Each structure stands twice: as C-alpha cells, then as structure tokens.
Amino acid sequence: MNAQQRLAFEAGSGVTPDALLLAIASITLSLAFLWVSWITFGTFKDWQEGKASFFDLTWNVLRACIVLLVLGFYIR
C-alpha cells in the first residue's frame, strides 16, 4: 500500500491498516484458543466417562495444538 492509499484508507475507516490487522489477528487467535480449549475439555470429559481412550485424548489435544501453531504462524 503506498502513502496515498494508506491516507485514503485511514480517512475512510478512521484507523490505520496496522491497527486493523492487529485487531483481526487478535480476534482470530482468541477464537482459535477457545476452540482448542473446547476440544481439550470435550475430549477430557469423554475420557473420564470411558467413551475415549487416553490415546484419543492425547491425539485430539495434540492435533488441535498443531492447528493452533500453524494458524499462529500464518497470522504472524
């Protein structure tokens, strides 16, 4: 984005492009952390009730964390 486009964007939206990118990245990562927590607690509950094995618990949590790491790498 050149200087003229940046000024037009700031005039139209009222925020800088960097601030908007930070807000979008923060919201996305917050939702991703919430999703990983939901997966973790759901699988843990299934493991406690005997509906899943310890391997299922470990694999689901590990897979959700890998997705979180990849998403964090691309948002960075």
N, C-alpha and C. Protein backbone atom coordinates (compact mmCIF):
# COMPACT_ATOMS: atom_id res chain seq x y z
N MET A 1 0.85 -1.16 0.00
CA MET A 1 0.00 0.00 0.00
C MET A 1 0.90 1.23 0.00
N ASN A 2 0.69 2.11 -0.95
CA ASN A 2 1.52 3.32 -0.98
C ASN A 2 0.94 4.38 -0.04
N ALA A 3 1.61 5.49 0.08
CA ALA A 3 1.23 6.52 1.05
C ALA A 3 -0.15 7.10 0.75
N GLN A 4 -0.45 7.27 -0.51
CA GLN A 4 -1.75 7.84 -0.88
C GLN A 4 -2.89 6.86 -0.55
N GLN A 5 -2.69 5.61 -0.80
CA GLN A 5 -3.70 4.61 -0.45
C GLN A 5 -3.86 4.50 1.06
N ARG A 6 -2.76 4.56 1.79
CA ARG A 6 -2.81 4.48 3.25
C ARG A 6 -3.62 5.66 3.82
N LEU A 7 -3.38 6.87 3.30
CA LEU A 7 -4.14 8.04 3.75
C LEU A 7 -5.61 7.91 3.42
N ALA A 8 -5.94 7.39 2.23
CA ALA A 8 -7.33 7.19 1.86
C ALA A 8 -8.00 6.16 2.76
N PHE A 9 -7.27 5.10 3.10
CA PHE A 9 -7.82 4.08 3.98
C PHE A 9 -8.08 4.64 5.37
N GLU A 10 -7.11 5.38 5.89
CA GLU A 10 -7.27 5.98 7.22
C GLU A 10 -8.41 6.99 7.25
N ALA A 11 -8.58 7.74 6.17
CA ALA A 11 -9.67 8.72 6.12
C ALA A 11 -11.02 8.02 6.05
N GLY A 12 -11.08 6.92 5.33
CA GLY A 12 -12.35 6.22 5.18
C GLY A 12 -12.74 5.38 6.38
N SER A 13 -11.76 4.76 7.01
CA SER A 13 -12.09 3.85 8.11
C SER A 13 -11.86 4.45 9.48
N GLY A 14 -10.97 5.39 9.59
CA GLY A 14 -10.69 6.00 10.88
C GLY A 14 -9.61 5.31 11.68
N VAL A 15 -9.06 4.22 11.16
CA VAL A 15 -7.97 3.50 11.83
C VAL A 15 -6.87 3.23 10.83
N THR A 16 -5.69 2.94 11.35
CA THR A 16 -4.58 2.60 10.47
C THR A 16 -4.72 1.14 10.03
N PRO A 17 -4.16 0.79 8.89
CA PRO A 17 -4.22 -0.61 8.45
C PRO A 17 -3.54 -1.57 9.44
N ASP A 18 -2.48 -1.11 10.07
CA ASP A 18 -1.79 -1.97 11.05
C ASP A 18 -2.66 -2.27 12.26
N ALA A 19 -3.40 -1.27 12.71
CA ALA A 19 -4.30 -1.48 13.85
C ALA A 19 -5.43 -2.44 13.49
N LEU A 20 -5.93 -2.33 12.28
CA LEU A 20 -6.99 -3.23 11.84
C LEU A 20 -6.47 -4.66 11.71
N LEU A 21 -5.28 -4.82 11.17
CA LEU A 21 -4.68 -6.16 11.07
C LEU A 21 -4.45 -6.77 12.44
N LEU A 22 -4.00 -5.97 13.39
CA LEU A 22 -3.79 -6.46 14.75
C LEU A 22 -5.11 -6.89 15.38
N ALA A 23 -6.17 -6.12 15.17
CA ALA A 23 -7.47 -6.47 15.74
C ALA A 23 -7.99 -7.77 15.13
N ILE A 24 -7.87 -7.92 13.82
CA ILE A 24 -8.33 -9.15 13.17
C ILE A 24 -7.53 -10.35 13.64
N ALA A 25 -6.20 -10.21 13.74
CA ALA A 25 -5.36 -11.30 14.21
C ALA A 25 -5.67 -11.66 15.66
N SER A 26 -5.93 -10.68 16.50
CA SER A 26 -6.24 -10.94 17.90
C SER A 26 -7.56 -11.68 18.05
N ILE A 27 -8.55 -11.28 17.31
CA ILE A 27 -9.85 -11.95 17.36
C ILE A 27 -9.74 -13.38 16.85
N THR A 28 -9.01 -13.56 15.76
CA THR A 28 -8.85 -14.90 15.20
C THR A 28 -8.12 -15.83 16.16
N LEU A 29 -7.03 -15.36 16.75
CA LEU A 29 -6.30 -16.21 17.70
C LEU A 29 -7.09 -16.46 18.98
N SER A 30 -7.88 -15.49 19.42
CA SER A 30 -8.72 -15.71 20.60
C SER A 30 -9.75 -16.80 20.33
N LEU A 31 -10.36 -16.77 19.16
CA LEU A 31 -11.32 -17.81 18.79
C LEU A 31 -10.63 -19.16 18.63
N ALA A 32 -9.41 -19.17 18.13
CA ALA A 32 -8.66 -20.42 17.99
C ALA A 32 -8.32 -21.01 19.36
N PHE A 33 -7.92 -20.18 20.31
CA PHE A 33 -7.65 -20.66 21.67
C PHE A 33 -8.93 -21.20 22.32
N LEU A 34 -10.04 -20.54 22.07
CA LEU A 34 -11.32 -21.02 22.60
C LEU A 34 -11.67 -22.38 21.99
N TRP A 35 -11.43 -22.53 20.69
CA TRP A 35 -11.69 -23.80 20.02
C TRP A 35 -10.81 -24.93 20.58
N VAL A 36 -9.53 -24.65 20.80
CA VAL A 36 -8.62 -25.66 21.36
C VAL A 36 -9.06 -26.04 22.77
N SER A 37 -9.49 -25.06 23.55
CA SER A 37 -9.99 -25.36 24.90
C SER A 37 -11.24 -26.24 24.84
N TRP A 38 -12.12 -25.94 23.92
CA TRP A 38 -13.35 -26.71 23.76
C TRP A 38 -13.03 -28.15 23.38
N ILE A 39 -12.11 -28.33 22.44
CA ILE A 39 -11.69 -29.68 22.02
C ILE A 39 -11.06 -30.42 23.20
N THR A 40 -10.19 -29.73 23.93
CA THR A 40 -9.49 -30.36 25.05
C THR A 40 -10.45 -30.80 26.15
N PHE A 41 -11.32 -29.91 26.57
CA PHE A 41 -12.24 -30.26 27.66
C PHE A 41 -13.28 -31.28 27.22
N GLY A 42 -13.72 -31.20 25.97
CA GLY A 42 -14.67 -32.20 25.47
C GLY A 42 -14.07 -33.59 25.42
N THR A 43 -12.86 -33.68 24.94
CA THR A 43 -12.18 -34.98 24.87
C THR A 43 -11.83 -35.48 26.27
N PHE A 44 -11.45 -34.58 27.16
CA PHE A 44 -11.16 -34.98 28.53
C PHE A 44 -12.41 -35.53 29.22
N LYS A 45 -13.55 -34.90 28.97
CA LYS A 45 -14.81 -35.38 29.54
C LYS A 45 -15.15 -36.78 29.00
N ASP A 46 -14.95 -36.98 27.69
CA ASP A 46 -15.18 -38.30 27.11
C ASP A 46 -14.24 -39.34 27.70
N TRP A 47 -12.99 -38.95 27.95
CA TRP A 47 -12.03 -39.87 28.54
C TRP A 47 -12.44 -40.24 29.96
N GLN A 48 -12.93 -39.26 30.73
CA GLN A 48 -13.36 -39.54 32.10
C GLN A 48 -14.57 -40.47 32.12
N GLU A 49 -15.46 -40.33 31.16
CA GLU A 49 -16.66 -41.16 31.11
C GLU A 49 -16.41 -42.52 30.46
N GLY A 50 -15.21 -42.74 29.98
CA GLY A 50 -14.88 -44.02 29.37
C GLY A 50 -15.26 -44.14 27.91
N LYS A 51 -15.63 -43.04 27.28
CA LYS A 51 -16.01 -43.05 25.87
C LYS A 51 -14.81 -42.92 24.94
N ALA A 52 -13.66 -42.56 25.47
CA ALA A 52 -12.45 -42.39 24.67
C ALA A 52 -11.26 -42.93 25.46
N SER A 53 -10.26 -43.38 24.73
CA SER A 53 -9.05 -43.87 25.39
C SER A 53 -8.09 -42.71 25.63
N PHE A 54 -7.03 -43.01 26.38
CA PHE A 54 -6.03 -41.98 26.64
C PHE A 54 -5.33 -41.57 25.36
N PHE A 55 -5.17 -42.52 24.44
CA PHE A 55 -4.58 -42.21 23.13
C PHE A 55 -5.45 -41.21 22.38
N ASP A 56 -6.78 -41.39 22.42
CA ASP A 56 -7.69 -40.45 21.77
C ASP A 56 -7.57 -39.05 22.38
N LEU A 57 -7.48 -39.01 23.70
CA LEU A 57 -7.32 -37.73 24.39
C LEU A 57 -6.03 -37.05 23.94
N THR A 58 -4.94 -37.78 23.98
CA THR A 58 -3.65 -37.20 23.61
C THR A 58 -3.63 -36.77 22.15
N TRP A 59 -4.15 -37.61 21.27
CA TRP A 59 -4.12 -37.31 19.84
C TRP A 59 -4.98 -36.09 19.51
N ASN A 60 -6.17 -35.99 20.08
CA ASN A 60 -7.04 -34.85 19.79
C ASN A 60 -6.46 -33.54 20.30
N VAL A 61 -5.88 -33.56 21.48
CA VAL A 61 -5.27 -32.35 22.03
C VAL A 61 -4.04 -31.96 21.21
N LEU A 62 -3.22 -32.93 20.86
CA LEU A 62 -2.04 -32.66 20.05
C LEU A 62 -2.41 -32.11 18.67
N ARG A 63 -3.41 -32.69 18.06
CA ARG A 63 -3.85 -32.23 16.74
C ARG A 63 -4.41 -30.80 16.80
N ALA A 64 -5.18 -30.49 17.83
CA ALA A 64 -5.70 -29.14 17.99
C ALA A 64 -4.58 -28.14 18.23
N CYS A 65 -3.58 -28.52 19.00
CA CYS A 65 -2.44 -27.62 19.24
C CYS A 65 -1.62 -27.41 17.98
N ILE A 66 -1.48 -28.44 17.15
CA ILE A 66 -0.76 -28.28 15.88
C ILE A 66 -1.50 -27.30 14.98
N VAL A 67 -2.82 -27.42 14.92
CA VAL A 67 -3.61 -26.47 14.12
C VAL A 67 -3.42 -25.06 14.66
N LEU A 68 -3.40 -24.91 15.96
CA LEU A 68 -3.18 -23.60 16.58
C LEU A 68 -1.80 -23.04 16.23
N LEU A 69 -0.78 -23.86 16.26
CA LEU A 69 0.57 -23.42 15.92
C LEU A 69 0.67 -22.99 14.45
N VAL A 70 0.07 -23.76 13.56
CA VAL A 70 0.10 -23.40 12.14
C VAL A 70 -0.67 -22.11 11.89
N LEU A 71 -1.82 -21.97 12.52
CA LEU A 71 -2.60 -20.74 12.37
C LEU A 71 -1.83 -19.55 12.92
N GLY A 72 -1.18 -19.71 14.05
CA GLY A 72 -0.38 -18.64 14.62
C GLY A 72 0.79 -18.25 13.74
N PHE A 73 1.38 -19.24 13.07
CA PHE A 73 2.49 -18.96 12.15
C PHE A 73 2.00 -18.12 10.97
N TYR A 74 0.85 -18.46 10.42
CA TYR A 74 0.36 -17.72 9.26
C TYR A 74 -0.22 -16.36 9.62
N ILE A 75 -0.73 -16.21 10.81
CA ILE A 75 -1.26 -14.90 11.22
C ILE A 75 -0.13 -13.94 11.54
N ARG A 76 0.96 -14.47 12.04
CA ARG A 76 2.11 -13.65 12.40
C ARG A 76 2.51 -12.79 11.22
